[in-house]
Protein backbone atom coordinates (compact mmCIF):
# COMPACT_ATOMS: atom_id res chain seq x y z
CA MET A 1 0.00 0.00 0.00
CA ALA A 2 1.41 3.37 -1.02
CA MET A 3 0.80 6.33 1.25
CA LYS A 4 0.70 9.83 -0.25
CA LYS A 5 0.85 13.14 1.58
CA ILE A 6 -2.32 15.14 0.80
CA ASP A 7 -3.85 18.51 1.75
CA SER A 8 -3.74 19.06 5.53
CA ASN A 9 -7.37 20.21 5.42
CA ALA A 10 -8.59 16.62 5.08
CA PHE A 11 -11.25 15.62 7.62
CA VAL A 12 -12.06 12.59 9.72
CA TYR A 13 -14.89 10.63 8.04
CA PRO A 14 -17.80 10.81 8.57
CA MET A 15 -19.31 13.62 10.62
CA PRO A 16 -22.89 13.37 11.92
CA MET A 17 -25.29 16.03 10.66
CA VAL A 18 -27.41 17.78 13.27
CA LEU A 19 -29.51 20.91 13.49
CA VAL A 20 -28.39 23.14 16.36
CA GLY A 21 -31.30 25.12 17.78
CA THR A 22 -31.01 28.52 19.44
CA HIS A 23 -33.05 31.62 20.09
CA TYR A 24 -32.01 34.62 18.02
CA GLN A 25 -33.84 37.95 18.32
CA ASP A 26 -36.74 36.33 20.19
CA ARG A 27 -37.35 33.56 17.65
CA PRO A 28 -36.13 29.99 17.20
CA ASN A 29 -33.30 29.49 14.73
CA PHE A 30 -31.65 26.33 13.40
CA MET A 31 -28.27 25.72 11.79
CA PRO A 32 -26.91 22.48 10.32
CA VAL A 33 -23.66 21.42 11.98
CA GLY A 34 -21.38 18.57 11.00
CA TRP A 35 -18.55 19.36 13.39
CA ILE A 36 -20.10 17.81 16.50
CA ASN A 37 -19.05 15.11 18.93
CA ARG A 38 -19.64 13.71 22.40
CA VAL A 39 -16.61 14.72 24.51
CA ASN A 40 -17.26 13.55 28.08
CA PHE A 41 -19.17 10.78 29.84
CA ASN A 42 -20.04 12.27 33.23
CA PRO A 43 -21.28 14.92 33.06
CA PRO A 44 -22.49 14.15 29.54
CA LEU A 45 -20.89 16.79 27.30
CA ILE A 46 -21.23 17.40 23.57
CA ALA A 47 -19.15 19.87 21.53
CA ALA A 48 -20.04 21.74 18.36
CA GLY A 49 -17.58 23.72 16.25
CA ILE A 50 -19.41 26.76 14.82
CA ASN A 51 -18.05 29.65 12.79
CA SER A 52 -17.80 32.58 15.19
CA ARG A 53 -19.53 34.96 12.74
CA HIS A 54 -22.71 32.86 12.52
CA THR A 55 -25.99 33.82 14.15
CA THR A 56 -25.94 30.52 16.04
CA ALA A 57 -22.62 31.35 17.72
CA GLU A 58 -23.95 34.75 18.75
CA ALA A 59 -27.16 33.22 20.13
CA ILE A 60 -25.41 30.50 22.16
CA THR A 61 -23.04 33.08 23.64
CA GLU A 62 -26.00 35.27 24.62
CA THR A 63 -28.43 32.64 25.98
CA GLU A 64 -25.92 29.98 27.14
CA VAL A 65 -28.24 27.17 25.95
CA PHE A 66 -28.83 25.30 22.70
CA SER A 67 -30.37 22.13 21.35
CA VAL A 68 -28.95 19.38 19.18
CA ASN A 69 -31.56 17.85 16.87
CA ILE A 70 -30.69 14.75 14.86
CA PRO A 71 -32.49 14.75 11.50
CA ASP A 72 -33.14 11.52 9.64
CA GLU A 73 -32.52 10.81 5.95
CA SER A 74 -35.93 12.23 4.99
CA MET A 75 -34.83 15.64 6.31
CA VAL A 76 -31.69 16.05 4.18
CA GLU A 77 -33.22 18.74 1.94
CA VAL A 78 -34.56 20.94 4.77
CA THR A 79 -31.32 20.46 6.74
CA ASP A 80 -29.24 21.56 3.77
CA TYR A 81 -31.57 24.53 3.16
CA CYS A 82 -31.03 25.71 6.73
CA GLY A 83 -27.32 26.03 5.90
CA LEU A 84 -27.98 27.98 2.71
CA VAL A 85 -29.91 30.83 4.35
CA LYS A 86 -28.97 33.05 7.28
CA GLY A 87 -31.06 33.19 10.44
CA LYS A 88 -30.66 36.97 10.44
CA ASN A 89 -32.62 37.12 7.16
CA VAL A 90 -34.91 34.08 7.17
CA ASP A 91 -37.19 32.67 9.87
CA LYS A 92 -36.24 28.99 9.64
CA SER A 93 -38.48 28.07 12.57
CA GLU A 94 -41.48 28.00 10.19
CA LEU A 95 -40.02 24.84 8.63
CA PHE A 96 -40.50 22.75 11.77
CA ASP A 97 -42.88 21.82 14.57
CA ILE A 98 -41.05 23.18 17.60
CA PHE A 99 -41.21 22.20 21.25
CA TYR A 100 -39.39 23.17 24.43
CA GLY A 101 -38.21 21.24 27.43
CA ASP A 102 -36.78 22.76 30.59
CA LEU A 103 -34.53 25.30 28.83
CA SER A 104 -36.71 28.06 27.40
CA ALA A 105 -34.16 29.30 24.84
CA ALA A 106 -33.29 25.87 23.40
CA PRO A 107 -35.94 25.11 20.75
CA MET A 108 -36.20 21.50 19.61
CA ILE A 109 -37.64 19.99 16.44
CA LYS A 110 -40.43 17.41 16.70
CA GLN A 111 -39.59 15.96 13.27
CA CYS A 112 -36.16 15.02 14.64
CA LYS A 113 -36.74 11.79 16.50
CA LEU A 114 -33.79 12.39 18.84
CA THR A 115 -33.09 15.78 20.42
CA LEU A 116 -30.74 16.98 23.15
CA GLU A 117 -31.26 20.02 25.34
CA CYS A 118 -27.91 21.54 26.37
CA LYS A 119 -26.56 24.14 28.79
CA LEU A 120 -23.33 25.88 27.79
CA PHE A 121 -20.50 24.30 29.79
CA GLN A 122 -17.53 25.97 28.13
CA LYS A 123 -16.54 27.72 24.95
CA VAL A 124 -13.16 27.78 23.29
CA GLU A 125 -12.29 30.45 20.72
CA PHE A 126 -10.26 29.42 17.67
CA PRO A 127 -9.14 31.60 14.73
CA THR A 128 -12.41 31.19 12.78
CA ASN A 129 -14.62 28.93 14.89
CA THR A 130 -15.83 28.66 18.45
CA LEU A 131 -16.08 25.26 20.08
CA PHE A 132 -19.23 25.26 22.18
CA VAL A 133 -19.26 22.50 24.81
CA GLY A 134 -22.72 21.83 26.14
CA GLU A 135 -23.80 19.75 29.10
CA ILE A 136 -26.68 17.54 27.99
CA ALA A 137 -29.50 18.45 30.38
CA ASN A 138 -32.27 16.35 28.80
CA VAL A 139 -32.72 13.97 25.89
CA TYR A 140 -36.02 13.43 24.10
CA ALA A 141 -36.61 10.44 21.83
CA ASP A 142 -39.56 9.37 19.73
CA THR A 143 -40.46 5.87 20.96
CA SER A 144 -40.35 4.60 17.36
CA ILE A 145 -36.52 4.79 17.33
CA LEU A 146 -35.95 3.03 20.66
CA THR A 147 -34.75 -0.52 21.15
CA ASP A 148 -34.49 -1.59 24.80
CA GLU A 149 -35.12 2.07 25.78
CA LYS A 150 -32.01 3.23 23.85
CA PRO A 151 -31.78 5.05 20.50
CA ASP A 152 -31.34 2.56 17.67
CA ILE A 153 -29.23 3.96 14.81
CA LYS A 154 -30.98 1.79 12.20
CA LYS A 155 -34.37 3.15 13.28
CA LEU A 156 -33.11 6.73 13.66
CA LYS A 157 -31.65 6.76 10.12
CA PRO A 158 -29.27 9.70 10.62
CA PHE A 159 -27.02 10.94 7.85
CA THR A 160 -23.45 12.15 7.81
CA LEU A 161 -21.29 14.71 6.04
CA THR A 162 -17.91 14.15 4.44
CA MET A 163 -15.48 16.95 3.72
CA PRO A 164 -13.73 18.29 1.74
CA ASP A 165 -16.04 16.73 -0.89
CA ASN A 166 -19.16 18.16 0.85
CA ARG A 167 -21.44 15.14 0.45
CA TYR A 168 -24.14 13.58 2.61
CA TRP A 169 -24.17 9.84 3.29
CA THR A 170 -26.51 7.40 4.97
CA VAL A 171 -25.32 5.16 7.80
CA GLY A 172 -24.35 1.62 6.74
CA GLU A 173 -24.50 -1.81 8.31
CA ARG A 174 -23.26 -2.80 11.77
CA LEU A 175 -19.68 -4.01 11.60
CA GLY A 176 -19.34 -5.47 15.10
CA ASP A 177 -19.65 -4.75 18.81
CA ALA A 178 -17.28 -2.15 20.26
CA TRP A 179 -14.90 -3.35 22.95
CA LYS A 180 -15.70 -6.96 22.06
CA ILE A 181 -14.71 -7.59 18.45
CA GLY A 182 -10.98 -7.23 19.27
CA ASN A 183 -11.03 -9.81 22.07
CA SER A 184 -9.77 -12.48 19.65
CA LEU A 185 -6.42 -10.65 19.50
CA LYS A 186 -5.84 -10.74 23.27
CA ASP A 187 -3.30 -13.17 24.73
């Protein structure tokens, strides 16, 4: 196998697509985010990298809360659209049925069968982006995506983003069980 040095702006594949919900100028706003990841077990923390100039970054900084809504494959068009228009100019909340949990400035989307309500835990400023780390306060799941009371990725049908080719992908088949499949290589 030949290894070749490529552009340093290559990304780790794939990145889950979510819609981050905030309140901006007294109305719900949603932005698609692919740079998101769980970063701590207890307390449960999730981090989202968002361009510092975006409305969403401004809203999270102001309200210190946000939501993470996981769209399924059927929502790829509306998710993409939310990234094409600015929340300062377009009321994207009209696209969704919205609900609230305990955090009044963290709007969630009913069409997303898994949503997380988050309180700002920490933010880290980078040259172009801000990494917002949120503590997951509450999780809401449509019962149709649960197996043994846990979210089932096959039922959820999320989609991912790859960069730098900027393409969306569906989630494939299960490969094996984490922290078990490698047992055959132990002593």
